[in-house]
PDB file of N, CA and C in Angstrom:
ATOM      1  N   MET A   1     177.680 176.334 -25.025  1.00  0.00           N
ATOM      2  CA  MET A   1     177.886 177.023 -26.275  1.00  0.00           C
ATOM      3  C   MET A   1     176.856 176.586 -27.309  1.00  0.00           C
ATOM      4  N   ILE A   2     176.672 175.288 -27.463  1.00  0.00           N
ATOM      5  CA  ILE A   2     175.724 174.811 -28.463  1.00  0.00           C
ATOM      6  C   ILE A   2     174.298 175.222 -28.100  1.00  0.00           C
ATOM      7  N   ARG A   3     173.972 175.161 -26.828  1.00  0.00           N
ATOM      8  CA  ARG A   3     172.621 175.545 -26.393  1.00  0.00           C
ATOM      9  C   ARG A   3     172.353 177.012 -26.720  1.00  0.00           C
ATOM     10  N   LEU A   4     173.313 177.878 -26.458  1.00  0.00           N
ATOM     11  CA  LEU A   4     173.154 179.301 -26.737  1.00  0.00           C
ATOM     12  C   LEU A   4     172.986 179.545 -28.239  1.00  0.00           C
ATOM     13  N   ALA A   5     173.803 178.896 -29.041  1.00  0.00           N
ATOM     14  CA  ALA A   5     173.694 179.054 -30.495  1.00  0.00           C
ATOM     15  C   ALA A   5     172.324 178.610 -30.988  1.00  0.00           C
ATOM     16  N   LEU A   6     171.836 177.498 -30.473  1.00  0.00           N
ATOM     17  CA  LEU A   6     170.528 177.000 -30.889  1.00  0.00           C
ATOM     18  C   LEU A   6     169.410 177.918 -30.419  1.00  0.00           C
ATOM     19  N   GLN A   7     169.499 178.388 -29.189  1.00  0.00           N
ATOM     20  CA  GLN A   7     168.470 179.285 -28.648  1.00  0.00           C
ATOM     21  C   GLN A   7     168.397 180.588 -29.432  1.00  0.00           C
ATOM     22  N   GLU A   8     169.542 181.072 -29.854  1.00  0.00           N
ATOM     23  CA  GLU A   8     169.585 182.350 -30.566  1.00  0.00           C
ATOM     24  C   GLU A   8     169.442 182.194 -32.076  1.00  0.00           C
ATOM     25  N   GLY A   9     169.244 180.961 -32.536  1.00  0.00           N
ATOM     26  CA  GLY A   9     169.077 180.730 -33.968  1.00  0.00           C
ATOM     27  C   GLY A   9     170.334 180.990 -34.768  1.00  0.00           C
ATOM     28  N   ARG A  10     171.485 180.749 -34.159  1.00  0.00           N
ATOM     29  CA  ARG A  10     172.766 180.989 -34.835  1.00  0.00           C
ATOM     30  C   ARG A  10     173.313 179.696 -35.427  1.00  0.00           C
ATOM     31  N   VAL A  11     174.146 179.840 -36.413  1.00  0.00           N
ATOM     32  CA  VAL A  11     174.833 178.701 -37.006  1.00  0.00           C
ATOM     33  C   VAL A  11     176.172 178.551 -36.297  1.00  0.00           C
ATOM     34  N   LEU A  12     176.430 177.370 -35.796  1.00  0.00           N
ATOM     35  CA  LEU A  12     177.650 177.079 -35.059  1.00  0.00           C
ATOM     36  C   LEU A  12     178.681 176.455 -35.998  1.00  0.00           C
ATOM     37  N   LEU A  13     179.877 177.032 -36.051  1.00  0.00           N
ATOM     38  CA  LEU A  13     180.976 176.472 -36.829  1.00  0.00           C
ATOM     39  C   LEU A  13     181.851 175.672 -35.881  1.00  0.00           C
ATOM     40  N   THR A  14     182.205 174.452 -36.276  1.00  0.00           N
ATOM     41  CA  THR A  14     183.016 173.609 -35.410  1.00  0.00           C
ATOM     42  C   THR A  14     183.858 172.643 -36.234  1.00  0.00           C
ATOM     43  N   GLU A  15     184.891 172.138 -35.587  1.00  0.00           N
ATOM     44  CA  GLU A  15     185.682 171.058 -36.157  1.00  0.00           C
ATOM     45  C   GLU A  15     185.489 169.779 -35.331  1.00  0.00           C
ATOM     46  N   ASP A  16     184.606 169.855 -34.362  1.00  0.00           N
ATOM     47  CA  ASP A  16     184.371 168.764 -33.427  1.00  0.00           C
ATOM     48  C   ASP A  16     183.163 167.936 -33.878  1.00  0.00           C
ATOM     49  N   LYS A  17     183.400 166.707 -34.293  1.00  0.00           N
ATOM     50  CA  LYS A  17     182.323 165.832 -34.775  1.00  0.00           C
ATOM     51  C   LYS A  17     181.284 165.543 -33.700  1.00  0.00           C
ATOM     52  N   ASP A  18     181.643 165.691 -32.440  1.00  0.00           N
ATOM     53  CA  ASP A  18     180.700 165.427 -31.352  1.00  0.00           C
ATOM     54  C   ASP A  18     179.505 166.378 -31.369  1.00  0.00           C
ATOM     55  N   PHE A  19     179.644 167.562 -31.924  1.00  0.00           N
ATOM     56  CA  PHE A  19     178.524 168.489 -31.970  1.00  0.00           C
ATOM     57  C   PHE A  19     177.373 167.912 -32.788  1.00  0.00           C
ATOM     58  N   GLY A  20     177.671 167.211 -33.842  1.00  0.00           N
ATOM     59  CA  GLY A  20     176.617 166.578 -34.634  1.00  0.00           C
ATOM     60  C   GLY A  20     175.843 165.576 -33.811  1.00  0.00           C
ATOM     61  N   ARG A  21     176.549 164.768 -33.064  1.00  0.00           N
ATOM     62  CA  ARG A  21     175.874 163.789 -32.203  1.00  0.00           C
ATOM     63  C   ARG A  21     175.024 164.483 -31.151  1.00  0.00           C
ATOM     64  N   LEU A  22     175.542 165.546 -30.557  1.00  0.00           N
ATOM     65  CA  LEU A  22     174.793 166.272 -29.534  1.00  0.00           C
ATOM     66  C   LEU A  22     173.498 166.850 -30.098  1.00  0.00           C
ATOM     67  N   VAL A  23     173.578 167.466 -31.243  1.00  0.00           N
ATOM     68  CA  VAL A  23     172.403 168.088 -31.848  1.00  0.00           C
ATOM     69  C   VAL A  23     171.365 167.036 -32.202  1.00  0.00           C
ATOM     70  N   PHE A  24     171.787 165.963 -32.860  1.00  0.00           N
ATOM     71  CA  PHE A  24     170.831 164.944 -33.291  1.00  0.00           C
ATOM     72  C   PHE A  24     170.311 164.112 -32.123  1.00  0.00           C
ATOM     73  N   ALA A  25     171.154 163.805 -31.149  1.00  0.00           N
ATOM     74  CA  ALA A  25     170.713 163.013 -29.998  1.00  0.00           C
ATOM     75  C   ALA A  25     169.677 163.776 -29.183  1.00  0.00           C
ATOM     76  N   ASN A  26     169.847 165.078 -29.052  1.00  0.00           N
ATOM     77  CA  ASN A  26     168.906 165.895 -28.292  1.00  0.00           C
ATOM     78  C   ASN A  26     167.764 166.427 -29.146  1.00  0.00           C
ATOM     79  N   ARG A  27     167.817 166.156 -30.453  1.00  0.00           N
ATOM     80  CA  ARG A  27     166.794 166.598 -31.413  1.00  0.00           C
ATOM     81  C   ARG A  27     166.460 168.077 -31.228  1.00  0.00           C
ATOM     82  N   GLN A  28     167.501 168.867 -31.144  1.00  0.00           N
ATOM     83  CA  GLN A  28     167.326 170.296 -30.941  1.00  0.00           C
ATOM     84  C   GLN A  28     167.297 171.012 -32.280  1.00  0.00           C
ATOM     85  N   GLY A  29     166.307 171.855 -32.442  1.00  0.00           N
ATOM     86  CA  GLY A  29     166.230 172.677 -33.643  1.00  0.00           C
ATOM     87  C   GLY A  29     166.870 174.019 -33.364  1.00  0.00           C
ATOM     88  N   GLY A  30     166.470 175.011 -34.101  1.00  0.00           N
ATOM     89  CA  GLY A  30     166.999 176.345 -33.862  1.00  0.00           C
ATOM     90  C   GLY A  30     168.006 176.718 -34.904  1.00  0.00           C
ATOM     91  N   GLY A  31     169.234 176.889 -34.486  1.00  0.00           N
ATOM     92  CA  GLY A  31     170.292 177.291 -35.411  1.00  0.00           C
ATOM     93  C   GLY A  31     170.692 176.154 -36.325  1.00  0.00           C
ATOM     94  N   GLY A  32     171.910 176.100 -36.654  1.00  0.00           N
ATOM     95  CA  GLY A  32     172.446 175.037 -37.486  1.00  0.00           C
ATOM     96  C   GLY A  32     173.868 174.753 -37.056  1.00  0.00           C
ATOM     97  N   VAL A  33     174.413 173.669 -37.568  1.00  0.00           N
ATOM     98  CA  VAL A  33     175.791 173.298 -37.261  1.00  0.00           C
ATOM     99  C   VAL A  33     176.529 173.094 -38.573  1.00  0.00           C
ATOM    100  N   VAL A  34     177.708 173.690 -38.681  1.00  0.00           N
ATOM    101  CA  VAL A  34     178.593 173.489 -39.829  1.00  0.00           C
ATOM    102  C   VAL A  34     179.855 172.825 -39.305  1.00  0.00           C
ATOM    103  N   LEU A  35     180.080 171.611 -39.746  1.00  0.00           N
ATOM    104  CA  LEU A  35     181.273 170.856 -39.368  1.00  0.00           C
ATOM    105  C   LEU A  35     182.334 171.082 -40.437  1.00  0.00           C
ATOM    106  N   LEU A  36     183.464 171.628 -40.021  1.00  0.00           N
ATOM    107  CA  LEU A  36     184.582 171.890 -40.936  1.00  0.00           C
ATOM    108  C   LEU A  36     185.550 170.725 -40.867  1.00  0.00           C
ATOM    109  N   ARG A  37     185.811 170.107 -42.017  1.00  0.00           N
ATOM    110  CA  ARG A  37     186.713 168.961 -42.064  1.00  0.00           C
ATOM    111  C   ARG A  37     187.813 169.238 -43.086  1.00  0.00           C
ATOM    112  N   PHE A  38     188.839 169.891 -42.622  1.00  0.00           N
ATOM    113  CA  PHE A  38     189.957 170.268 -43.479  1.00  0.00           C
ATOM    114  C   PHE A  38     191.239 169.667 -42.924  1.00  0.00           C
ATOM    115  N   PRO A  39     191.951 168.892 -43.733  1.00  0.00           N
ATOM    116  CA  PRO A  39     193.231 168.361 -43.261  1.00  0.00           C
ATOM    117  C   PRO A  39     194.257 169.486 -43.117  1.00  0.00           C
ATOM    118  N   ALA A  40     195.314 169.210 -42.407  1.00  0.00           N
ATOM    119  CA  ALA A  40     196.343 170.225 -42.136  1.00  0.00           C
ATOM    120  C   ALA A  40     196.842 170.895 -43.416  1.00  0.00           C
ATOM    121  N   LYS A  41     197.003 170.148 -44.472  1.00  0.00           N
ATOM    122  CA  LYS A  41     197.540 170.719 -45.714  1.00  0.00           C
ATOM    123  C   LYS A  41     196.559 171.671 -46.408  1.00  0.00           C
ATOM    124  N   ALA A  42     195.290 171.671 -45.984  1.00  0.00           N
ATOM    125  CA  ALA A  42     194.282 172.531 -46.608  1.00  0.00           C
ATOM    126  C   ALA A  42     193.771 173.624 -45.671  1.00  0.00           C
ATOM    127  N   ARG A  43     194.425 173.845 -44.545  1.00  0.00           N
ATOM    128  CA  ARG A  43     193.954 174.799 -43.532  1.00  0.00           C
ATOM    129  C   ARG A  43     193.802 176.220 -44.077  1.00  0.00           C
ATOM    130  N   LYS A  44     194.614 176.600 -45.030  1.00  0.00           N
ATOM    131  CA  LYS A  44     194.547 177.953 -45.575  1.00  0.00           C
ATOM    132  C   LYS A  44     193.249 178.202 -46.348  1.00  0.00           C
ATOM    133  N   GLN A  45     192.525 177.145 -46.683  1.00  0.00           N
ATOM    134  CA  GLN A  45     191.287 177.265 -47.452  1.00  0.00           C
ATOM    135  C   GLN A  45     190.045 177.459 -46.577  1.00  0.00           C
ATOM    136  N   VAL A  46     190.176 177.293 -45.263  1.00  0.00           N
ATOM    137  CA  VAL A  46     189.012 177.296 -44.375  1.00  0.00           C
ATOM    138  C   VAL A  46     188.240 178.613 -44.438  1.00  0.00           C
ATOM    139  N   ALA A  47     188.901 179.738 -44.262  1.00  0.00           N
ATOM    140  CA  ALA A  47     188.206 181.026 -44.235  1.00  0.00           C
ATOM    141  C   ALA A  47     187.443 181.280 -45.536  1.00  0.00           C
ATOM    142  N   LYS A  48     188.069 181.035 -46.664  1.00  0.00           N
ATOM    143  CA  LYS A  48     187.398 181.228 -47.948  1.00  0.00           C
ATOM    144  C   LYS A  48     186.215 180.284 -48.085  1.00  0.00           C
ATOM    145  N   ALA A  49     186.368 179.052 -47.647  1.00  0.00           N
ATOM    146  CA  ALA A  49     185.274 178.082 -47.738  1.00  0.00           C
ATOM    147  C   ALA A  49     184.076 178.522 -46.894  1.00  0.00           C
ATOM    148  N   VAL A  50     184.329 179.073 -45.717  1.00  0.00           N
ATOM    149  CA  VAL A  50     183.235 179.536 -44.848  1.00  0.00           C
ATOM    150  C   VAL A  50     182.531 180.745 -45.467  1.00  0.00           C
ATOM    151  N   VAL A  51     183.298 181.679 -46.002  1.00  0.00           N
ATOM    152  CA  VAL A  51     182.693 182.849 -46.655  1.00  0.00           C
ATOM    153  C   VAL A  51     181.871 182.398 -47.861  1.00  0.00           C
ATOM    154  N   ASP A  52     182.405 181.507 -48.670  1.00  0.00           N
ATOM    155  CA  ASP A  52     181.665 180.991 -49.833  1.00  0.00           C
ATOM    156  C   ASP A  52     180.382 180.281 -49.396  1.00  0.00           C
ATOM    157  N   LEU A  53     180.461 179.501 -48.334  1.00  0.00           N
ATOM    158  CA  LEU A  53     179.297 178.783 -47.818  1.00  0.00           C
ATOM    159  C   LEU A  53     178.205 179.769 -47.413  1.00  0.00           C
ATOM    160  N   ALA A  54     178.567 180.788 -46.647  1.00  0.00           N
ATOM    161  CA  ALA A  54     177.590 181.782 -46.197  1.00  0.00           C
ATOM    162  C   ALA A  54     177.008 182.559 -47.377  1.00  0.00           C
ATOM    163  N   THR A  55     177.841 182.899 -48.336  1.00  0.00           N
ATOM    164  CA  THR A  55     177.391 183.656 -49.503  1.00  0.00           C
ATOM    165  C   THR A  55     176.426 182.832 -50.352  1.00  0.00           C
ATOM    166  N   ARG A  56     176.751 181.594 -50.586  1.00  0.00           N
ATOM    167  CA  ARG A  56     175.937 180.741 -51.473  1.00  0.00           C
ATOM    168  C   ARG A  56     174.692 180.173 -50.810  1.00  0.00           C
ATOM    169  N   HIS A  57     174.789 179.866 -49.522  1.00  0.00           N
ATOM    170  CA  HIS A  57     173.696 179.128 -48.880  1.00  0.00           C
ATOM    171  C   HIS A  57     172.979 179.896 -47.781  1.00  0.00           C
ATOM    172  N   GLY A  58     173.613 180.898 -47.191  1.00  0.00           N
ATOM    173  CA  GLY A  58     173.003 181.785 -46.207  1.00  0.00           C
ATOM    174  C   GLY A  58     172.002 181.124 -45.272  1.00  0.00           C
ATOM    175  N   GLU A  59     170.747 181.574 -45.329  1.00  0.00           N
ATOM    176  CA  GLU A  59     169.713 181.095 -44.410  1.00  0.00           C
ATOM    177  C   GLU A  59     169.364 179.628 -44.598  1.00  0.00           C
ATOM    178  N   ARG A  60     169.758 179.050 -45.700  1.00  0.00           N
ATOM    179  CA  ARG A  60     169.518 177.617 -45.914  1.00  0.00           C
ATOM    180  C   ARG A  60     170.252 176.767 -44.866  1.00  0.00           C
ATOM    181  N   LEU A  61     171.258 177.340 -44.220  1.00  0.00           N
ATOM    182  CA  LEU A  61     172.036 176.619 -43.213  1.00  0.00           C
ATOM    183  C   LEU A  61     171.304 176.507 -41.880  1.00  0.00           C
ATOM    184  N   LEU A  62     170.278 177.334 -41.673  1.00  0.00           N
ATOM    185  CA  LEU A  62     169.524 177.283 -40.419  1.00  0.00           C
ATOM    186  C   LEU A  62     168.801 175.947 -40.285  1.00  0.00           C
ATOM    187  N   ARG A  63     168.852 175.377 -39.095  1.00  0.00           N
ATOM    188  CA  ARG A  63     168.212 174.094 -38.769  1.00  0.00           C
ATOM    189  C   ARG A  63     168.739 172.947 -39.628  1.00  0.00           C
ATOM    190  N   LYS A  64     169.968 173.093 -40.106  1.00  0.00           N
ATOM    191  CA  LYS A  64     170.595 172.048 -40.915  1.00  0.00           C
ATOM    192  C   LYS A  64     171.923 171.648 -40.289  1.00  0.00           C
ATOM    193  N   PHE A  65     172.391 170.470 -40.668  1.00  0.00           N
ATOM    194  CA  PHE A  65     173.726 170.018 -40.287  1.00  0.00           C
ATOM    195  C   PHE A  65     174.519 169.940 -41.578  1.00  0.00           C
ATOM    196  N   SER A  66     175.562 170.730 -41.673  1.00  0.00           N
ATOM    197  CA  SER A  66     176.349 170.822 -42.896  1.00  0.00           C
ATOM    198  C   SER A  66     177.783 170.375 -42.632  1.00  0.00           C
ATOM    199  N   VAL A  67     178.364 169.763 -43.641  1.00  0.00           N
ATOM    200  CA  VAL A  67     179.768 169.356 -43.574  1.00  0.00           C
ATOM    201  C   VAL A  67     180.480 170.039 -44.732  1.00  0.00           C
ATOM    202  N   VAL A  68     181.559 170.739 -44.405  1.00  0.00           N
ATOM    203  CA  VAL A  68     182.341 171.436 -45.422  1.00  0.00           C
ATOM    204  C   VAL A  68     183.732 170.831 -45.445  1.00  0.00           C
ATOM    205  N   GLN A  69     184.123 170.377 -46.623  1.00  0.00           N
ATOM    206  CA  GLN A  69     185.450 169.817 -46.857  1.00  0.00           C
ATOM    207  C   GLN A  69     186.043 170.547 -48.054  1.00  0.00           C
ATOM    208  N   PRO A  70     187.332 170.433 -48.276  1.00  0.00           N
ATOM    209  CA  PRO A  70     187.911 171.092 -49.450  1.00  0.00           C
ATOM    210  C   PRO A  70     187.178 170.664 -50.724  1.00  0.00           C
ATOM    211  N   GLY A  71     186.573 171.634 -51.400  1.00  0.00           N
ATOM    212  CA  GLY A  71     185.893 171.359 -52.656  1.00  0.00           C
ATOM    213  C   GLY A  71     184.540 170.685 -52.529  1.00  0.00           C
ATOM    214  N   ARG A  72     183.989 170.569 -51.319  1.00  0.00           N
ATOM    215  CA  ARG A  72     182.724 169.856 -51.154  1.00  0.00           C
ATOM    216  C   ARG A  72     181.915 170.432 -49.993  1.00  0.00           C
ATOM    217  N   VAL A  73     180.605 170.571 -50.222  1.00  0.00           N
ATOM    218  CA  VAL A  73     179.672 170.993 -49.176  1.00  0.00           C
ATOM    219  C   VAL A  73     178.505 170.022 -49.188  1.00  0.00           C
ATOM    220  N   ARG A  74     178.140 169.540 -48.016  1.00  0.00           N
ATOM    221  CA  ARG A  74     176.988 168.640 -47.884  1.00  0.00           C
ATOM    222  C   ARG A  74     176.072 169.229 -46.817  1.00  0.00           C
ATOM    223  N   ILE A  75     174.831 169.526 -47.194  1.00  0.00           N
ATOM    224  CA  ILE A  75     173.865 170.101 -46.271  1.00  0.00           C
ATOM    225  C   ILE A  75     172.751 169.076 -46.065  1.00  0.00           C
ATOM    226  N   SER A  76     172.599 168.641 -44.813  1.00  0.00           N
ATOM    227  CA  SER A  76     171.613 167.623 -44.468  1.00  0.00           C
ATOM    228  C   SER A  76     170.475 168.229 -43.669  1.00  0.00           C
ATOM    229  N   ARG A  77     169.371 167.506 -43.649  1.00  0.00           N
ATOM    230  CA  ARG A  77     168.273 167.936 -42.788  1.00  0.00           C
ATOM    231  C   ARG A  77     168.762 168.003 -41.354  1.00  0.00           C
ATOM    232  N   GLY A  78     168.236 168.934 -40.628  1.00  0.00           N
ATOM    233  CA  GLY A  78     168.574 169.042 -39.213  1.00  0.00           C
ATOM    234  C   GLY A  78     167.778 168.032 -38.398  1.00  0.00           C
ATOM    235  N   PRO A  79     167.983 167.992 -37.128  1.00  0.00           N
ATOM    236  CA  PRO A  79     167.350 167.010 -36.253  1.00  0.00           C
ATOM    237  C   PRO A  79     165.848 167.183 -36.122  1.00  0.00           C
ATOM    238  N   ALA A  80     165.361 168.398 -36.321  1.00  0.00           N
ATOM    239  CA  ALA A  80     163.930 168.651 -36.141  1.00  0.00           C
ATOM    240  C   ALA A  80     163.196 168.661 -37.469  1.00  0.00           C
ATOM    241  N   GLY A  81     163.812 168.162 -38.515  1.00  0.00           N
ATOM    242  CA  GLY A  81     163.107 168.127 -39.798  1.00  0.00           C
ATOM    243  C   GLY A  81     163.969 168.613 -40.861  1.00  0.00           C
TER     244      GLY A  81
END
């Protein structure tokens, strides 16, 4: 799944922290990874947070590793720069 997303230049949405390690360990560029970190009590906010993220940051998410939490977005350099 991650390989396909990277090959196609897509942004992968996940709740699995291991994807960050996979991307950085393999130093793969291409798409981007968005790690969603929402506790159970904030699950209803996930869809709105993803739409807001795409609307505000769009293509800036490509080749980046981003973490989205309730009320917070952190966009880091991706593994290839």
